[in-house]
């Protein structure tokens, strides 16, 4: 995980170009999504983090964005509902 506040703009673009950065997340809300997500673009720099893979974000406790990752979000939510119904 990379923190946007710790990166210079040139480092960020280089990471994206080299495919070291593929997803962005909100560190306080624990949500991740695509780099093109309109919701993600509104985040403050100090709250934004970056991930190389979805697996990395998920393993760190982040959930998929409901706007740009609808299928992954629905799967995550369905699993959460199933877990809450188990005795």
PDB file of N, CA and C in Angstrom:
ATOM      1  N   UNK A   1       0.844  -1.170   0.000  1.00  0.00           N
ATOM      2  CA  UNK A   1       0.000   0.000   0.000  1.00  0.00           C
ATOM      3  C   UNK A   1       0.893   1.237   0.000  1.00  0.00           C
ATOM      4  N   UNK A   2       0.540   2.172  -0.831  1.00  0.00           N
ATOM      5  CA  UNK A   2       1.270   3.442  -0.917  1.00  0.00           C
ATOM      6  C   UNK A   2       0.345   4.583  -0.508  1.00  0.00           C
ATOM      7  N   UNK A   3       0.860   5.507   0.260  1.00  0.00           N
ATOM      8  CA  UNK A   3       0.086   6.670   0.683  1.00  0.00           C
ATOM      9  C   UNK A   3       0.313   7.817  -0.292  1.00  0.00           C
ATOM     10  N   UNK A   4      -0.780   8.405  -0.782  1.00  0.00           N
ATOM     11  CA  UNK A   4      -0.680   9.500  -1.740  1.00  0.00           C
ATOM     12  C   UNK A   4       0.066  10.695  -1.138  1.00  0.00           C
ATOM     13  N   UNK A   5      -0.142  10.930   0.132  1.00  0.00           N
ATOM     14  CA  UNK A   5       0.515  12.066   0.796  1.00  0.00           C
ATOM     15  C   UNK A   5       2.040  11.927   0.795  1.00  0.00           C
ATOM     16  N   UNK A   6       2.536  10.697   0.664  1.00  0.00           N
ATOM     17  CA  UNK A   6       3.984  10.458   0.675  1.00  0.00           C
ATOM     18  C   UNK A   6       4.591  10.407  -0.726  1.00  0.00           C
ATOM     19  N   UNK A   7       3.765  10.558  -1.755  1.00  0.00           N
ATOM     20  CA  UNK A   7       4.246  10.460  -3.135  1.00  0.00           C
ATOM     21  C   UNK A   7       4.251  11.813  -3.829  1.00  0.00           C
ATOM     22  N   UNK A   8       5.269  12.037  -4.606  1.00  0.00           N
ATOM     23  CA  UNK A   8       5.294  13.196  -5.495  1.00  0.00           C
ATOM     24  C   UNK A   8       4.447  12.828  -6.715  1.00  0.00           C
ATOM     25  N   UNK A   9       3.957  13.839  -7.437  1.00  0.00           N
ATOM     26  CA  UNK A   9       3.121  13.573  -8.611  1.00  0.00           C
ATOM     27  C   UNK A   9       3.851  12.742  -9.660  1.00  0.00           C
ATOM     28  N   UNK A  10       5.135  13.014  -9.857  1.00  0.00           N
ATOM     29  CA  UNK A  10       5.895  12.260 -10.857  1.00  0.00           C
ATOM     30  C   UNK A  10       6.044  10.790 -10.452  1.00  0.00           C
ATOM     31  N   UNK A  11       6.172  10.524  -9.145  1.00  0.00           N
ATOM     32  CA  UNK A  11       6.256   9.146  -8.653  1.00  0.00           C
ATOM     33  C   UNK A  11       4.929   8.416  -8.866  1.00  0.00           C
ATOM     34  N   UNK A  12       3.834   9.138  -8.667  1.00  0.00           N
ATOM     35  CA  UNK A  12       2.509   8.563  -8.865  1.00  0.00           C
ATOM     36  C   UNK A  12       2.308   8.152 -10.318  1.00  0.00           C
ATOM     37  N   UNK A  13       2.589   9.062 -11.240  1.00  0.00           N
ATOM     38  CA  UNK A  13       2.405   8.755 -12.662  1.00  0.00           C
ATOM     39  C   UNK A  13       3.330   7.626 -13.110  1.00  0.00           C
ATOM     40  N   UNK A  14       4.524   7.598 -12.583  1.00  0.00           N
ATOM     41  CA  UNK A  14       5.465   6.526 -12.914  1.00  0.00           C
ATOM     42  C   UNK A  14       4.942   5.182 -12.414  1.00  0.00           C
ATOM     43  N   UNK A  15       4.389   5.144 -11.202  1.00  0.00           N
ATOM     44  CA  UNK A  15       3.821   3.925 -10.648  1.00  0.00           C
ATOM     45  C   UNK A  15       2.640   3.414 -11.454  1.00  0.00           C
ATOM     46  N   UNK A  16       1.802   4.332 -11.918  1.00  0.00           N
ATOM     47  CA  UNK A  16       0.654   3.948 -12.740  1.00  0.00           C
ATOM     48  C   UNK A  16       1.132   3.405 -14.080  1.00  0.00           C
ATOM     49  N   UNK A  17       2.077   4.083 -14.676  1.00  0.00           N
ATOM     50  CA  UNK A  17       2.603   3.665 -15.981  1.00  0.00           C
ATOM     51  C   UNK A  17       3.274   2.294 -15.899  1.00  0.00           C
ATOM     52  N   UNK A  18       3.976   2.031 -14.813  1.00  0.00           N
ATOM     53  CA  UNK A  18       4.676   0.752 -14.629  1.00  0.00           C
ATOM     54  C   UNK A  18       3.753  -0.318 -14.036  1.00  0.00           C
ATOM     55  N   UNK A  19       2.478  -0.002 -13.883  1.00  0.00           N
ATOM     56  CA  UNK A  19       1.458  -0.911 -13.351  1.00  0.00           C
ATOM     57  C   UNK A  19       1.746  -1.365 -11.923  1.00  0.00           C
ATOM     58  N   UNK A  20       2.405  -0.512 -11.161  1.00  0.00           N
ATOM     59  CA  UNK A  20       2.604  -0.764  -9.736  1.00  0.00           C
ATOM     60  C   UNK A  20       1.434  -0.198  -8.934  1.00  0.00           C
ATOM     61  N   UNK A  21       0.631   0.652  -9.592  1.00  0.00           N
ATOM     62  CA  UNK A  21      -0.552   1.240  -8.976  1.00  0.00           C
ATOM     63  C   UNK A  21      -1.725   0.992  -9.923  1.00  0.00           C
ATOM     64  N   UNK A  22      -2.740   0.267  -9.438  1.00  0.00           N
ATOM     65  CA  UNK A  22      -3.900  -0.027 -10.274  1.00  0.00           C
ATOM     66  C   UNK A  22      -5.221   0.361  -9.602  1.00  0.00           C
ATOM     67  N   UNK A  23      -5.207   0.494  -8.284  1.00  0.00           N
ATOM     68  CA  UNK A  23      -6.418   0.809  -7.529  1.00  0.00           C
ATOM     69  C   UNK A  23      -6.109   1.871  -6.490  1.00  0.00           C
ATOM     70  N   UNK A  24      -7.145   2.655  -6.164  1.00  0.00           N
ATOM     71  CA  UNK A  24      -7.013   3.671  -5.130  1.00  0.00           C
ATOM     72  C   UNK A  24      -8.033   3.387  -4.036  1.00  0.00           C
ATOM     73  N   UNK A  25      -7.712   3.809  -2.831  1.00  0.00           N
ATOM     74  CA  UNK A  25      -8.629   3.591  -1.720  1.00  0.00           C
ATOM     75  C   UNK A  25      -8.671   4.770  -0.772  1.00  0.00           C
ATOM     76  N   UNK A  26      -9.679   4.769   0.070  1.00  0.00           N
ATOM     77  CA  UNK A  26      -9.838   5.791   1.097  1.00  0.00           C
ATOM     78  C   UNK A  26      -9.431   5.152   2.419  1.00  0.00           C
ATOM     79  N   UNK A  27      -8.369   5.646   3.026  1.00  0.00           N
ATOM     80  CA  UNK A  27      -7.803   4.969   4.195  1.00  0.00           C
ATOM     81  C   UNK A  27      -8.709   5.008   5.420  1.00  0.00           C
ATOM     82  N   UNK A  28      -9.552   6.015   5.560  1.00  0.00           N
ATOM     83  CA  UNK A  28     -10.435   6.085   6.720  1.00  0.00           C
ATOM     84  C   UNK A  28     -11.704   5.258   6.526  1.00  0.00           C
ATOM     85  N   UNK A  29     -12.256   5.268   5.320  1.00  0.00           N
ATOM     86  CA  UNK A  29     -13.488   4.536   5.041  1.00  0.00           C
ATOM     87  C   UNK A  29     -13.234   3.077   4.663  1.00  0.00           C
ATOM     88  N   UNK A  30     -11.976   2.753   4.349  1.00  0.00           N
ATOM     89  CA  UNK A  30     -11.580   1.392   3.966  1.00  0.00           C
ATOM     90  C   UNK A  30     -12.341   0.916   2.719  1.00  0.00           C
ATOM     91  N   UNK A  31     -12.399   1.786   1.688  1.00  0.00           N
ATOM     92  CA  UNK A  31     -13.038   1.470   0.414  1.00  0.00           C
ATOM     93  C   UNK A  31     -11.984   1.616  -0.673  1.00  0.00           C
ATOM     94  N   UNK A  32     -11.976   0.692  -1.649  1.00  0.00           N
ATOM     95  CA  UNK A  32     -11.060   0.822  -2.773  1.00  0.00           C
ATOM     96  C   UNK A  32     -11.829   0.737  -4.082  1.00  0.00           C
ATOM     97  N   UNK A  33     -11.263   1.320  -5.134  1.00  0.00           N
ATOM     98  CA  UNK A  33     -11.897   1.297  -6.446  1.00  0.00           C
ATOM     99  C   UNK A  33     -10.891   1.575  -7.544  1.00  0.00           C
ATOM    100  N   UNK A  34     -11.409   1.733  -8.751  1.00  0.00           N
ATOM    101  CA  UNK A  34     -10.544   1.985  -9.902  1.00  0.00           C
ATOM    102  C   UNK A  34      -9.994   3.409  -9.847  1.00  0.00           C
ATOM    103  N   UNK A  35      -8.948   3.644 -10.594  1.00  0.00           N
ATOM    104  CA  UNK A  35      -8.345   4.977 -10.620  1.00  0.00           C
ATOM    105  C   UNK A  35      -9.229   5.987 -11.348  1.00  0.00           C
ATOM    106  N   UNK A  36     -10.185   5.502 -12.143  1.00  0.00           N
ATOM    107  CA  UNK A  36     -11.057   6.384 -12.922  1.00  0.00           C
ATOM    108  C   UNK A  36     -12.364   6.710 -12.207  1.00  0.00           C
ATOM    109  N   UNK A  37     -12.564   6.188 -11.024  1.00  0.00           N
ATOM    110  CA  UNK A  37     -13.818   6.368 -10.285  1.00  0.00           C
ATOM    111  C   UNK A  37     -14.028   7.841  -9.925  1.00  0.00           C
ATOM    112  N   UNK A  38     -15.221   8.340 -10.210  1.00  0.00           N
ATOM    113  CA  UNK A  38     -15.542   9.739  -9.905  1.00  0.00           C
ATOM    114  C   UNK A  38     -15.518   9.983  -8.394  1.00  0.00           C
ATOM    115  N   UNK A  39     -15.968   9.010  -7.614  1.00  0.00           N
ATOM    116  CA  UNK A  39     -15.949   9.161  -6.154  1.00  0.00           C
ATOM    117  C   UNK A  39     -14.520   9.249  -5.639  1.00  0.00           C
ATOM    118  N   UNK A  40     -13.658   8.414  -6.185  1.00  0.00           N
ATOM    119  CA  UNK A  40     -12.269   8.393  -5.768  1.00  0.00           C
ATOM    120  C   UNK A  40     -11.516   9.667  -6.121  1.00  0.00           C
ATOM    121  N   UNK A  41     -11.898  10.288  -7.216  1.00  0.00           N
ATOM    122  CA  UNK A  41     -11.226  11.519  -7.633  1.00  0.00           C
ATOM    123  C   UNK A  41     -11.533  12.686  -6.707  1.00  0.00           C
ATOM    124  N   UNK A  42     -12.605  12.566  -5.921  1.00  0.00           N
ATOM    125  CA  UNK A  42     -12.978  13.648  -4.998  1.00  0.00           C
ATOM    126  C   UNK A  42     -12.294  13.528  -3.639  1.00  0.00           C
ATOM    127  N   UNK A  43     -11.568  12.447  -3.419  1.00  0.00           N
ATOM    128  CA  UNK A  43     -10.895  12.239  -2.129  1.00  0.00           C
ATOM    129  C   UNK A  43      -9.806  13.266  -1.887  1.00  0.00           C
ATOM    130  N   UNK A  44      -9.606  13.574  -0.630  1.00  0.00           N
ATOM    131  CA  UNK A  44      -8.469  14.414  -0.272  1.00  0.00           C
ATOM    132  C   UNK A  44      -7.202  13.586  -0.385  1.00  0.00           C
ATOM    133  N   UNK A  45      -6.133  14.234  -0.755  1.00  0.00           N
ATOM    134  CA  UNK A  45      -4.844  13.560  -0.938  1.00  0.00           C
ATOM    135  C   UNK A  45      -4.401  12.801   0.318  1.00  0.00           C
ATOM    136  N   UNK A  46      -4.620  13.388   1.491  1.00  0.00           N
ATOM    137  CA  UNK A  46      -4.159  12.750   2.725  1.00  0.00           C
ATOM    138  C   UNK A  46      -4.960  11.493   3.078  1.00  0.00           C
ATOM    139  N   UNK A  47      -6.130  11.307   2.470  1.00  0.00           N
ATOM    140  CA  UNK A  47      -6.947  10.122   2.728  1.00  0.00           C
ATOM    141  C   UNK A  47      -6.758   9.021   1.679  1.00  0.00           C
ATOM    142  N   UNK A  48      -6.076   9.313   0.586  1.00  0.00           N
ATOM    143  CA  UNK A  48      -5.963   8.374  -0.533  1.00  0.00           C
ATOM    144  C   UNK A  48      -4.748   7.460  -0.385  1.00  0.00           C
ATOM    145  N   UNK A  49      -4.993   6.176  -0.661  1.00  0.00           N
ATOM    146  CA  UNK A  49      -3.933   5.170  -0.692  1.00  0.00           C
ATOM    147  C   UNK A  49      -4.033   4.423  -2.012  1.00  0.00           C
ATOM    148  N   UNK A  50      -2.940   3.763  -2.395  1.00  0.00           N
ATOM    149  CA  UNK A  50      -2.916   3.048  -3.667  1.00  0.00           C
ATOM    150  C   UNK A  50      -2.524   1.590  -3.465  1.00  0.00           C
ATOM    151  N   UNK A  51      -3.057   0.736  -4.341  1.00  0.00           N
ATOM    152  CA  UNK A  51      -2.789  -0.693  -4.295  1.00  0.00           C
ATOM    153  C   UNK A  51      -2.409  -1.194  -5.680  1.00  0.00           C
ATOM    154  N   UNK A  52      -1.649  -2.269  -5.717  1.00  0.00           N
ATOM    155  CA  UNK A  52      -1.277  -2.888  -6.988  1.00  0.00           C
ATOM    156  C   UNK A  52      -2.375  -3.834  -7.459  1.00  0.00           C
ATOM    157  N   UNK A  53      -3.001  -4.549  -6.521  1.00  0.00           N
ATOM    158  CA  UNK A  53      -4.026  -5.529  -6.882  1.00  0.00           C
ATOM    159  C   UNK A  53      -5.245  -5.403  -5.963  1.00  0.00           C
ATOM    160  N   UNK A  54      -6.356  -5.960  -6.439  1.00  0.00           N
ATOM    161  CA  UNK A  54      -7.557  -6.020  -5.610  1.00  0.00           C
ATOM    162  C   UNK A  54      -7.306  -6.902  -4.396  1.00  0.00           C
ATOM    163  N   UNK A  55      -6.555  -7.965  -4.599  1.00  0.00           N
ATOM    164  CA  UNK A  55      -6.255  -8.906  -3.527  1.00  0.00           C
ATOM    165  C   UNK A  55      -5.525  -8.194  -2.380  1.00  0.00           C
ATOM    166  N   UNK A  56      -4.596  -7.321  -2.727  1.00  0.00           N
ATOM    167  CA  UNK A  56      -3.857  -6.561  -1.714  1.00  0.00           C
ATOM    168  C   UNK A  56      -4.810  -5.684  -0.904  1.00  0.00           C
ATOM    169  N   UNK A  57      -5.695  -4.973  -1.602  1.00  0.00           N
ATOM    170  CA  UNK A  57      -6.646  -4.090  -0.920  1.00  0.00           C
ATOM    171  C   UNK A  57      -7.574  -4.897  -0.013  1.00  0.00           C
ATOM    172  N   UNK A  58      -8.095  -5.993  -0.531  1.00  0.00           N
ATOM    173  CA  UNK A  58      -9.024  -6.824   0.240  1.00  0.00           C
ATOM    174  C   UNK A  58      -8.343  -7.425   1.468  1.00  0.00           C
ATOM    175  N   UNK A  59      -7.099  -7.850   1.304  1.00  0.00           N
ATOM    176  CA  UNK A  59      -6.374  -8.454   2.427  1.00  0.00           C
ATOM    177  C   UNK A  59      -6.086  -7.444   3.540  1.00  0.00           C
ATOM    178  N   UNK A  60      -6.066  -6.170   3.209  1.00  0.00           N
ATOM    179  CA  UNK A  60      -5.832  -5.119   4.202  1.00  0.00           C
ATOM    180  C   UNK A  60      -7.139  -4.593   4.801  1.00  0.00           C
ATOM    181  N   UNK A  61      -8.251  -5.259   4.473  1.00  0.00           N
ATOM    182  CA  UNK A  61      -9.527  -4.902   5.081  1.00  0.00           C
ATOM    183  C   UNK A  61     -10.351  -3.880   4.327  1.00  0.00           C
ATOM    184  N   UNK A  62     -10.007  -3.585   3.092  1.00  0.00           N
ATOM    185  CA  UNK A  62     -10.763  -2.635   2.283  1.00  0.00           C
ATOM    186  C   UNK A  62     -11.872  -3.368   1.533  1.00  0.00           C
ATOM    187  N   UNK A  63     -12.990  -2.672   1.286  1.00  0.00           N
ATOM    188  CA  UNK A  63     -14.092  -3.258   0.530  1.00  0.00           C
ATOM    189  C   UNK A  63     -14.193  -2.568  -0.834  1.00  0.00           C
ATOM    190  N   UNK A  64     -14.810  -3.251  -1.812  1.00  0.00           N
ATOM    191  CA  UNK A  64     -14.945  -2.648  -3.143  1.00  0.00           C
ATOM    192  C   UNK A  64     -15.898  -1.445  -3.135  1.00  0.00           C
ATOM    193  N   UNK A  65     -15.647  -0.515  -4.027  1.00  0.00           N
ATOM    194  CA  UNK A  65     -16.489   0.665  -4.208  1.00  0.00           C
ATOM    195  C   UNK A  65     -17.810   0.254  -4.857  1.00  0.00           C
ATOM    196  N   UNK A  66     -18.911   0.783  -4.365  1.00  0.00           N
ATOM    197  CA  UNK A  66     -20.223   0.476  -4.919  1.00  0.00           C
ATOM    198  C   UNK A  66     -20.505   1.178  -6.235  1.00  0.00           C
ATOM    199  N   UNK A  67     -19.709   2.176  -6.603  1.00  0.00           N
ATOM    200  CA  UNK A  67     -19.926   2.918  -7.846  1.00  0.00           C
ATOM    201  C   UNK A  67     -19.164   2.315  -9.018  1.00  0.00           C
ATOM    202  N   UNK A  68     -17.882   2.156  -8.890  1.00  0.00           N
ATOM    203  CA  UNK A  68     -17.059   1.732 -10.025  1.00  0.00           C
ATOM    204  C   UNK A  68     -16.810   0.226 -10.059  1.00  0.00           C
ATOM    205  N   UNK A  69     -17.107  -0.466  -8.975  1.00  0.00           N
ATOM    206  CA  UNK A  69     -16.863  -1.910  -8.912  1.00  0.00           C
ATOM    207  C   UNK A  69     -18.132  -2.624  -8.439  1.00  0.00           C
ATOM    208  N   UNK A  70     -19.215  -2.392  -9.154  1.00  0.00           N
ATOM    209  CA  UNK A  70     -20.531  -2.876  -8.735  1.00  0.00           C
ATOM    210  C   UNK A  70     -20.592  -4.391  -8.535  1.00  0.00           C
ATOM    211  N   UNK A  71     -19.997  -5.156  -9.426  1.00  0.00           N
ATOM    212  CA  UNK A  71     -20.051  -6.619  -9.328  1.00  0.00           C
ATOM    213  C   UNK A  71     -19.294  -7.102  -8.097  1.00  0.00           C
ATOM    214  N   UNK A  72     -18.078  -6.596  -7.897  1.00  0.00           N
ATOM    215  CA  UNK A  72     -17.284  -6.987  -6.730  1.00  0.00           C
ATOM    216  C   UNK A  72     -17.957  -6.526  -5.441  1.00  0.00           C
ATOM    217  N   UNK A  73     -18.573  -5.343  -5.478  1.00  0.00           N
ATOM    218  CA  UNK A  73     -19.275  -4.826  -4.305  1.00  0.00           C
ATOM    219  C   UNK A  73     -20.467  -5.713  -3.955  1.00  0.00           C
ATOM    220  N   UNK A  74     -21.249  -6.106  -4.979  1.00  0.00           N
ATOM    221  CA  UNK A  74     -22.406  -6.964  -4.739  1.00  0.00           C
ATOM    222  C   UNK A  74     -21.972  -8.304  -4.156  1.00  0.00           C
ATOM    223  N   UNK A  75     -20.900  -8.868  -4.676  1.00  0.00           N
ATOM    224  CA  UNK A  75     -20.389 -10.136  -4.152  1.00  0.00           C
ATOM    225  C   UNK A  75     -19.968  -9.975  -2.682  1.00  0.00           C
ATOM    226  N   UNK A  76     -19.238  -8.903  -2.387  1.00  0.00           N
ATOM    227  CA  UNK A  76     -18.798  -8.631  -1.020  1.00  0.00           C
ATOM    228  C   UNK A  76     -20.005  -8.471  -0.090  1.00  0.00           C
ATOM    229  N   UNK A  77     -21.005  -7.703  -0.534  1.00  0.00           N
ATOM    230  CA  UNK A  77     -22.180  -7.443   0.292  1.00  0.00           C
ATOM    231  C   UNK A  77     -22.986  -8.722   0.520  1.00  0.00           C
ATOM    232  N   UNK A  78     -23.161  -9.535  -0.520  1.00  0.00           N
ATOM    233  CA  UNK A  78     -23.891 -10.797  -0.377  1.00  0.00           C
ATOM    234  C   UNK A  78     -23.211 -11.722   0.623  1.00  0.00           C
ATOM    235  N   UNK A  79     -21.885 -11.785   0.581  1.00  0.00           N
ATOM    236  CA  UNK A  79     -21.137 -12.607   1.537  1.00  0.00           C
ATOM    237  C   UNK A  79     -21.308 -12.077   2.961  1.00  0.00           C
ATOM    238  N   UNK A  80     -21.331 -10.775   3.114  1.00  0.00           N
ATOM    239  CA  UNK A  80     -21.512 -10.149   4.421  1.00  0.00           C
ATOM    240  C   UNK A  80     -22.893 -10.482   4.992  1.00  0.00           C
ATOM    241  N   UNK A  81     -23.917 -10.432   4.134  1.00  0.00           N
ATOM    242  CA  UNK A  81     -25.281 -10.747   4.567  1.00  0.00           C
ATOM    243  C   UNK A  81     -25.379 -12.217   4.968  1.00  0.00           C
ATOM    244  N   UNK A  82     -24.758 -13.096   4.175  1.00  0.00           N
ATOM    245  CA  UNK A  82     -24.771 -14.524   4.508  1.00  0.00           C
ATOM    246  C   UNK A  82     -24.113 -14.796   5.851  1.00  0.00           C
ATOM    247  N   UNK A  83     -23.017 -14.134   6.109  1.00  0.00           N
ATOM    248  CA  UNK A  83     -22.296 -14.328   7.374  1.00  0.00           C
ATOM    249  C   UNK A  83     -23.141 -13.857   8.565  1.00  0.00           C
ATOM    250  N   UNK A  84     -23.901 -12.791   8.376  1.00  0.00           N
ATOM    251  CA  UNK A  84     -24.703 -12.268   9.474  1.00  0.00           C
ATOM    252  C   UNK A  84     -25.908 -13.166   9.775  1.00  0.00           C
ATOM    253  N   UNK A  85     -26.347 -13.956   8.803  1.00  0.00           N
ATOM    254  CA  UNK A  85     -27.499 -14.843   8.988  1.00  0.00           C
ATOM    255  C   UNK A  85     -27.115 -16.171   9.622  1.00  0.00           C
ATOM    256  N   UNK A  86     -25.844 -16.516   9.607  1.00  0.00           N
ATOM    257  CA  UNK A  86     -25.391 -17.781  10.196  1.00  0.00           C
ATOM    258  C   UNK A  86     -25.458 -17.687  11.711  1.00  0.00           C
ATOM    259  N   UNK A  87     -25.890 -18.791  12.348  1.00  0.00           N
ATOM    260  CA  UNK A  87     -25.973 -18.778  13.822  1.00  0.00           C
ATOM    261  C   UNK A  87     -24.625 -18.822  14.502  1.00  0.00           C
TER     262      UNK A  87
END
